[in-house]
Protein backbone atom coordinates (compact mmCIF):
# COMPACT_ATOMS: atom_id res chain seq x y z
CA MET A 1 55.51 79.66 73.33
CA THR A 2 58.01 81.75 75.30
CA TRP A 3 57.24 82.58 78.91
CA LYS A 4 58.17 85.99 80.30
CA VAL A 5 58.39 87.15 83.89
CA THR A 6 55.45 89.45 83.20
CA ASP A 7 53.31 86.42 82.30
CA LEU A 8 53.73 84.90 85.78
CA PRO A 9 51.24 85.30 88.61
CA ILE A 10 52.19 87.80 91.34
CA VAL A 11 53.09 85.03 93.81
CA ALA A 12 55.30 83.29 91.24
CA LYS A 13 57.00 86.57 90.33
CA SER A 14 57.71 87.25 93.98
CA ALA A 15 59.19 83.79 94.41
CA LEU A 16 61.36 84.21 91.32
CA CYS A 17 62.61 87.62 92.44
CA LEU A 18 63.42 86.19 95.86
CA TYR A 19 65.36 83.35 94.21
CA LEU A 20 67.36 85.76 92.05
CA ILE A 21 68.17 87.98 95.01
CA THR A 22 69.25 84.95 97.02
CA PHE A 23 71.42 83.63 94.17
CA ILE A 24 73.12 86.95 93.54
CA GLY A 25 73.62 87.34 97.26
CA ARG A 26 75.39 84.01 97.43
CA VAL A 27 77.84 85.05 94.74
CA ASN A 28 78.43 88.54 96.13
CA ALA A 29 78.48 87.77 99.85
CA GLN A 30 81.92 87.68 101.45
CA SER A 31 81.37 84.27 103.00
CA PHE A 32 84.96 83.18 102.39
CA GLN A 33 88.35 84.64 103.22
CA PHE A 34 91.58 84.84 101.26
CA ALA A 35 92.95 82.08 103.51
CA ASP A 36 90.28 79.75 102.07
CA THR A 37 91.93 80.07 98.64
CA HIS A 38 95.35 78.77 99.68
CA PRO A 39 97.65 77.06 97.12
CA VAL A 40 97.29 73.32 96.52
CA ASN A 41 99.65 70.41 95.84
CA ASN A 42 97.85 69.12 92.75
CA PRO A 43 96.80 71.93 90.40
CA ASP A 44 95.70 69.37 87.80
CA SER A 45 92.76 68.34 89.99
CA LEU A 46 91.61 71.95 90.31
CA GLU A 47 91.96 72.51 86.57
CA GLN A 48 89.86 69.39 85.98
CA TRP A 49 87.23 70.57 88.49
CA LEU A 50 86.98 73.95 86.77
CA GLY A 51 86.50 72.20 83.44
CA GLN A 52 83.59 70.21 84.88
CA HIS A 53 81.93 73.07 86.79
CA GLN A 54 81.51 76.00 84.42
CA ALA A 55 78.55 77.64 86.18
CA LEU A 56 78.94 80.84 88.14
CA SER A 57 79.41 79.99 91.80
CA GLU A 58 81.33 80.88 94.93
CA ASP A 59 83.19 77.56 94.78
CA ARG A 60 84.33 78.30 91.24
CA LEU A 61 85.65 81.72 92.26
CA LYS A 62 87.50 80.22 95.24
CA ASN A 63 89.11 77.55 93.05
CA LEU A 64 90.09 80.09 90.38
CA ILE A 65 91.93 82.16 92.99
CA SER A 66 93.47 79.06 94.59
CA LEU A 67 94.80 77.85 91.24
CA GLU A 68 96.34 81.21 90.38
CA ARG A 69 97.96 81.35 93.83
CA THR A 70 99.41 77.88 93.22
CA TYR A 71 100.91 79.09 89.94
CA THR A 72 102.77 81.89 91.77
CA TRP A 73 104.61 79.24 93.79
CA ASN A 74 105.69 76.73 91.18
CA MET A 75 104.11 77.16 87.72
CA LYS A 76 104.92 80.74 86.76
CA SER A 77 104.47 80.24 83.02
CA LYS A 78 100.75 79.57 83.67
CA ALA A 79 100.20 82.65 85.84
CA GLY A 80 97.38 84.84 84.53
CA THR A 81 95.46 82.03 82.83
CA TYR A 82 92.28 82.72 84.81
CA PHE A 83 92.71 86.47 85.33
CA PRO A 84 89.92 87.44 82.86
CA GLU A 85 87.35 85.30 84.67
CA ILE A 86 88.37 86.48 88.15
CA LYS A 87 88.14 90.04 86.87
CA ARG A 88 84.61 89.37 85.57
CA TYR A 89 83.57 88.26 89.05
CA ALA A 90 85.08 91.48 90.39
CA VAL A 91 83.54 93.86 87.84
CA ILE A 92 80.25 92.29 86.74
CA GLN A 93 79.34 90.58 90.01
CA LYS A 94 80.90 93.40 92.05
CA ASN A 95 82.57 90.83 94.28
CA ALA A 96 84.96 92.64 96.62
CA MET A 97 87.02 89.53 97.41
CA ALA A 98 87.46 88.80 93.70
CA LYS A 99 88.67 92.39 93.17
CA ALA A 100 91.17 92.25 96.05
CA ALA A 101 92.47 88.84 94.99
CA TYR A 102 92.71 89.95 91.36
CA ASP A 103 94.76 93.02 92.25
CA TYR A 104 97.07 90.91 94.44
CA LEU A 105 97.59 88.27 91.74
CA LEU A 106 98.14 90.94 89.08
CA ALA A 107 100.72 92.60 91.35
CA TYR A 108 102.50 89.26 91.77
CA LYS A 109 102.62 88.74 88.01
CA TYR A 110 104.09 92.21 87.54
CA PHE A 111 106.64 91.35 90.24
CA ASP A 112 107.70 88.26 88.31
CA GLU A 113 107.99 90.42 85.18
CA GLU A 114 110.33 92.80 87.07
CA LYS A 115 107.88 95.72 86.83
CA GLU A 116 108.38 97.25 90.27
CA SER A 117 106.19 100.34 89.86
CA LYS A 118 103.15 98.37 88.71
CA THR A 119 103.77 95.78 91.42
CA ALA A 120 103.73 98.49 94.08
CA LEU A 121 100.61 100.10 92.60
CA TYR A 122 98.49 96.95 92.58
CA ALA A 123 99.92 95.57 95.83
CA ASN A 124 98.90 98.77 97.62
CA GLN A 125 95.51 98.64 95.93
CA ALA A 126 95.03 95.04 97.09
CA LEU A 127 96.21 95.95 100.59
CA ASN A 128 93.59 98.69 100.93
CA GLU A 129 90.89 96.35 99.62
CA PHE A 130 91.86 93.58 102.04
CA ILE A 131 91.85 96.12 104.88
CA SER A 132 88.30 97.12 103.90
CA LEU A 133 87.34 93.45 104.01
CA THR A 134 89.16 93.02 107.36
CA ASP A 135 90.91 90.07 105.71
CA LYS A 136 94.15 89.53 107.61
CA SER A 137 95.61 86.82 105.37
CA GLY A 138 95.07 89.00 102.31
CA GLN A 139 96.75 91.95 104.02
CA LEU A 140 99.73 89.77 104.94
CA HIS A 141 100.19 88.66 101.33
CA ALA A 142 99.94 92.22 100.02
CA TYR A 143 102.59 93.40 102.51
CA SER A 144 104.81 90.55 101.30
CA LEU A 145 104.93 91.97 97.78
CA LEU A 146 105.94 95.37 99.14
CA VAL A 147 109.00 93.69 100.68
CA LEU A 148 109.80 91.52 97.66
CA ILE A 149 110.17 94.51 95.33
CA LYS A 150 112.94 96.02 97.49
CA SER A 151 115.56 93.70 95.95
CA ASN A 152 116.03 91.68 92.78
CA GLU A 153 116.59 87.97 92.14
CA PHE A 154 120.34 88.50 92.05
CA GLY A 155 120.40 89.69 95.67
CA LEU A 156 120.86 93.37 94.88
CA LYS A 157 119.00 96.11 96.73
CA VAL A 158 116.80 98.47 94.79
CA SER A 159 116.22 100.61 97.89
CA SER A 160 118.80 102.53 99.91
CA THR A 161 117.14 101.74 103.24
CA ASN A 162 115.70 98.67 104.96
CA LYS A 163 113.17 100.67 106.99
CA PRO A 164 110.12 100.10 104.74
CA SER A 165 110.85 96.36 104.49
CA LEU A 166 111.27 96.03 108.25
CA PHE A 167 108.01 97.94 108.78
CA TYR A 168 106.13 95.62 106.39
CA LEU A 169 107.71 92.50 107.92
CA ASP A 170 106.62 93.67 111.36
CA LYS A 171 103.08 94.12 110.02
CA MET A 172 103.20 90.59 108.59
CA GLU A 173 104.36 89.13 111.90
CA GLY A 174 101.48 90.87 113.69
CA LEU A 175 98.94 89.54 111.20
CA LEU A 176 100.41 86.03 111.40
CA ALA A 177 100.04 86.10 115.19
CA GLU A 178 96.32 86.64 114.59
CA THR A 179 95.71 84.19 111.73
CA LYS A 180 98.00 81.40 113.00
CA ASP A 181 97.67 79.98 109.49
CA GLY A 182 100.32 77.61 108.11
CA HIS A 183 100.06 78.95 104.56
CA ASP A 184 100.50 82.49 105.88
CA PHE A 185 103.51 81.27 107.88
CA LEU A 186 105.16 79.98 104.71
CA MET A 187 104.56 83.30 102.94
CA VAL A 188 106.19 85.14 105.84
CA GLN A 189 109.22 82.82 105.65
CA LEU A 190 109.42 83.24 101.87
CA THR A 191 109.41 87.01 102.32
CA TYR A 192 112.20 86.80 104.88
CA THR A 193 114.33 84.76 102.45
CA ARG A 194 114.07 87.53 99.87
CA TYR A 195 114.88 90.13 102.52
CA HIS A 196 118.00 88.23 103.67
CA TYR A 197 119.18 87.56 100.12
CA GLY A 198 118.41 91.16 99.22
CA GLN A 199 121.16 92.43 101.52
CA ASN A 200 123.37 92.35 98.41
CA GLY A 201 123.48 88.56 98.60
CA TYR A 202 125.65 88.37 101.70
CA ASN A 203 123.33 87.01 104.39
CA GLY A 204 123.63 83.30 103.58
CA ASN A 205 123.42 82.08 107.18
CA ALA A 206 120.19 83.95 107.92
CA LEU A 207 118.74 82.77 104.61
CA GLN A 208 119.58 79.14 105.38
CA LYS A 209 118.09 79.34 108.88
CA THR A 210 114.82 80.75 107.52
CA VAL A 211 114.66 78.09 104.82
CA GLU A 212 115.21 75.29 107.35
CA THR A 213 112.38 76.67 109.49
CA ALA A 214 110.04 76.64 106.50
CA ILE A 215 111.04 73.13 105.38
CA GLN A 216 110.47 71.84 108.91
CA ARG A 217 106.88 73.18 108.75
CA ILE A 218 106.38 71.68 105.28
CA ASN A 219 107.49 68.28 106.57
CA GLN A 220 104.89 68.47 109.35
CA ASN A 221 101.88 68.80 107.05
CA PRO A 222 101.41 67.26 103.57
CA ALA A 223 99.11 70.17 102.64
CA TYR A 224 102.16 72.44 102.42
CA GLY A 225 103.91 70.31 99.79
CA TYR A 226 103.33 72.92 97.06
CA ALA A 227 105.97 75.12 98.76
CA ARG A 228 108.74 72.50 98.78
CA TYR A 229 110.16 73.45 95.37
CA ARG A 230 110.61 77.11 96.28
CA PHE A 231 112.25 76.47 99.63
CA ASN A 232 114.50 73.70 98.30
CA ARG A 233 115.63 76.08 95.58
CA LEU A 234 116.37 78.70 98.23
CA LYS A 235 118.23 76.12 100.32
CA ALA A 236 120.46 75.44 97.31
CA LEU A 237 120.97 79.19 97.00
CA SER A 238 122.06 79.39 100.65
CA TYR A 239 124.64 76.66 99.97
CA TYR A 240 125.91 78.73 97.03
CA LEU A 241 126.20 81.87 99.16
CA LEU A 242 128.10 79.93 101.83
CA GLY A 243 130.52 78.51 99.24
CA GLN A 244 129.16 74.95 99.56
CA HIS A 245 128.98 74.40 95.81
CA GLU A 246 128.89 70.59 95.76
CA LYS A 247 125.87 70.66 98.10
CA SER A 248 124.18 73.29 95.95
CA TYR A 249 124.86 71.26 92.80
CA ASN A 250 123.46 68.04 94.30
CA LEU A 251 120.32 69.69 95.65
CA ASN A 252 119.64 71.44 92.35
CA LYS A 253 119.97 68.07 90.59
CA GLN A 254 117.33 66.66 92.95
CA ILE A 255 115.05 69.63 92.29
CA LEU A 256 115.46 69.23 88.53
CA ALA A 257 114.49 65.55 88.70
CA GLN A 258 111.26 66.42 90.54
CA LEU A 259 110.01 69.14 88.17
CA ARG A 260 107.30 68.49 85.59
CA PRO A 261 107.92 68.97 81.84
CA ASP A 262 105.39 71.83 81.73
CA GLN A 263 107.11 73.84 84.50
CA PHE A 264 109.04 75.82 81.88
CA ALA A 265 110.06 78.77 84.06
CA GLU A 266 111.12 76.57 86.98
CA LEU A 267 113.07 74.19 84.71
CA ALA A 268 114.84 77.11 83.01
CA LEU A 269 115.85 78.66 86.33
CA THR A 270 117.02 75.39 87.88
CA LYS A 271 119.14 74.57 84.82
CA TYR A 272 120.66 78.05 84.99
CA ASN A 273 121.44 77.60 88.71
CA LEU A 274 123.05 74.25 87.95
CA ALA A 275 125.12 75.82 85.17
CA ILE A 276 126.52 78.33 87.68
CA GLU A 277 127.66 75.50 89.94
CA CYS A 278 129.06 73.59 86.96
CA TYR A 279 131.20 76.62 86.12
CA LEU A 280 132.53 76.83 89.68
CA LEU A 281 133.07 73.06 89.89
CA LYS A 282 134.72 72.98 86.42
CA ARG A 283 132.03 70.68 84.99
CA THR A 284 132.22 72.66 81.80
CA GLU A 285 130.50 70.45 79.22
CA GLU A 286 127.52 69.84 81.50
CA GLY A 287 127.26 73.56 82.19
CA ILE A 288 127.25 74.40 78.47
CA ARG A 289 124.48 71.86 77.84
CA LEU A 290 122.43 73.23 80.75
CA CYS A 291 122.72 76.81 79.45
CA GLN A 292 121.57 75.72 76.00
CA GLU A 293 118.59 73.91 77.50
CA SER A 294 117.71 76.86 79.74
CA ILE A 295 117.78 79.30 76.81
CA LYS A 296 115.52 76.97 74.80
CA LEU A 297 113.07 76.70 77.70
CA GLN A 298 112.95 80.47 78.15
CA SER A 299 111.62 80.75 74.60
CA LYS A 300 108.55 78.69 75.62
CA TYR A 301 107.02 81.36 77.84
CA THR A 302 106.90 85.14 78.04
CA PRO A 303 110.24 86.23 79.52
CA GLU A 304 110.17 87.88 82.93
CA GLY A 305 111.95 90.95 81.68
CA TYR A 306 115.20 89.99 79.91
CA THR A 307 117.65 89.92 82.81
CA LYS A 308 117.44 86.14 83.36
CA LEU A 309 117.97 85.48 79.66
CA ALA A 310 120.94 87.86 79.59
CA ALA A 311 122.40 86.17 82.68
CA THR A 312 122.04 82.74 81.06
CA TYR A 313 123.78 83.88 77.87
CA SER A 314 126.56 85.46 79.95
CA LYS A 315 127.13 82.23 81.86
CA TYR A 316 127.02 80.30 78.58
CA ARG A 317 129.79 82.53 77.21
CA ALA A 318 131.85 82.14 80.41
CA LEU A 319 131.60 78.34 80.14
CA LEU A 320 132.69 78.43 76.49
CA GLN A 321 135.69 80.53 77.53
CA GLN A 322 136.40 78.04 80.31
CA LYS A 323 136.39 75.31 77.66
CA GLY A 324 138.79 77.34 75.52
CA ASP A 325 136.31 77.88 72.68
CA TYR A 326 136.91 81.62 72.39
CA VAL A 327 135.47 81.91 68.87
CA ALA A 328 132.06 80.56 69.96
CA ALA A 329 132.21 82.70 73.09
CA GLU A 330 132.83 85.83 71.02
CA LEU A 331 129.91 84.98 68.72
CA LEU A 332 127.62 85.08 71.75
CA SER A 333 128.61 88.68 72.46
CA ASP A 334 126.20 89.95 69.80
CA SER A 335 123.28 88.05 71.36
CA ILE A 336 124.15 89.38 74.80
CA GLY A 337 124.43 92.92 73.42
CA ILE A 338 120.98 92.69 71.79
CA ILE A 339 119.39 91.41 75.01
CA ASN A 340 121.09 94.13 77.07
CA ASN A 341 119.66 96.69 74.66
CA TYR A 342 116.19 95.21 75.30
CA ILE A 343 116.81 95.61 79.03
CA LEU A 344 117.93 99.23 78.57
CA VAL A 345 114.88 100.07 76.43
CA ALA A 346 112.56 98.45 78.98
CA LYS A 347 114.16 100.44 81.81
CA ASN A 348 113.91 103.70 79.87
CA ASP A 349 110.27 102.99 79.00
CA LYS A 350 109.56 102.37 82.68
CA LYS A 351 111.23 105.65 83.69
CA LEU A 352 109.26 107.51 81.03
CA LEU A 353 105.98 106.02 82.26
CA GLU A 354 106.87 107.00 85.83
CA LEU A 355 107.55 110.57 84.72
CA GLU A 356 104.24 110.71 82.84
CA ALA A 357 102.26 109.26 85.77
């Protein structure tokens, strides 16, 4: 026999309705802030927890967001894994925090894929949603993305003026003064590193100073360990900008030794950075091997645009020329040309979409 709600006595129906309202309220209520979903040092433990706790709950939503935020720091090839579920919380459960966090995380993924227009769209959307929630940490993170898109990973400006970036950085500083949160502090420092490097790659001293400030904070609290990879990588970059290539090489070697086998994007980038230093230090054979390994790794995950792959092939060709193997270097020209065509098509598609919007 199947029981229906209509079969229950009035008192029982009232109790059941009250329970359902209470349960839904728990899921929908904004009883946690974006700051409560900070990145973690051990994503494996969160992944395991999610596997063991499948039921709809506030804790599950918090851990989903926390895990995706962790991926933005040091496991980029996994970013987006839990987007569909976070979106379900946002749409079906009408959870405002889930919606704001989803838009922020989606904006960050578009940023990593070099899609500036979509990054700006969703970052602004997230910003407005976090403002509605009066969530200061969320606002700070959304402002960060609006600074990050003003330059690319090669230190080149994509904006003719620094005024918007300085405005957003000032907003972030004001919000940080209110939250006094260590994770927010690290995001502010990370944003400053991109701003300094984005001055056409010339501000190595300012970049290094910011990185040292962040690393000092990381050393003070084990909970910030998730950020060590990013800031160590940026410290190596500051050495490169200051012409300290042996230091950059040695630090990148240390970083490489600490990465996990499943950190495909981070391994590929670190090997590419090492190959650059090998070229400058005339460690040609090692540089060639590193380029080959980086290219292979980049095939294991969806490429973030094609510019990094093109840069790796270009460095590979330069190292072959340095070795004196001009035939092999010339053979790579076709591959580089094909990739550059992909980049051109992607840029033209983006311009067309912007015109249609």
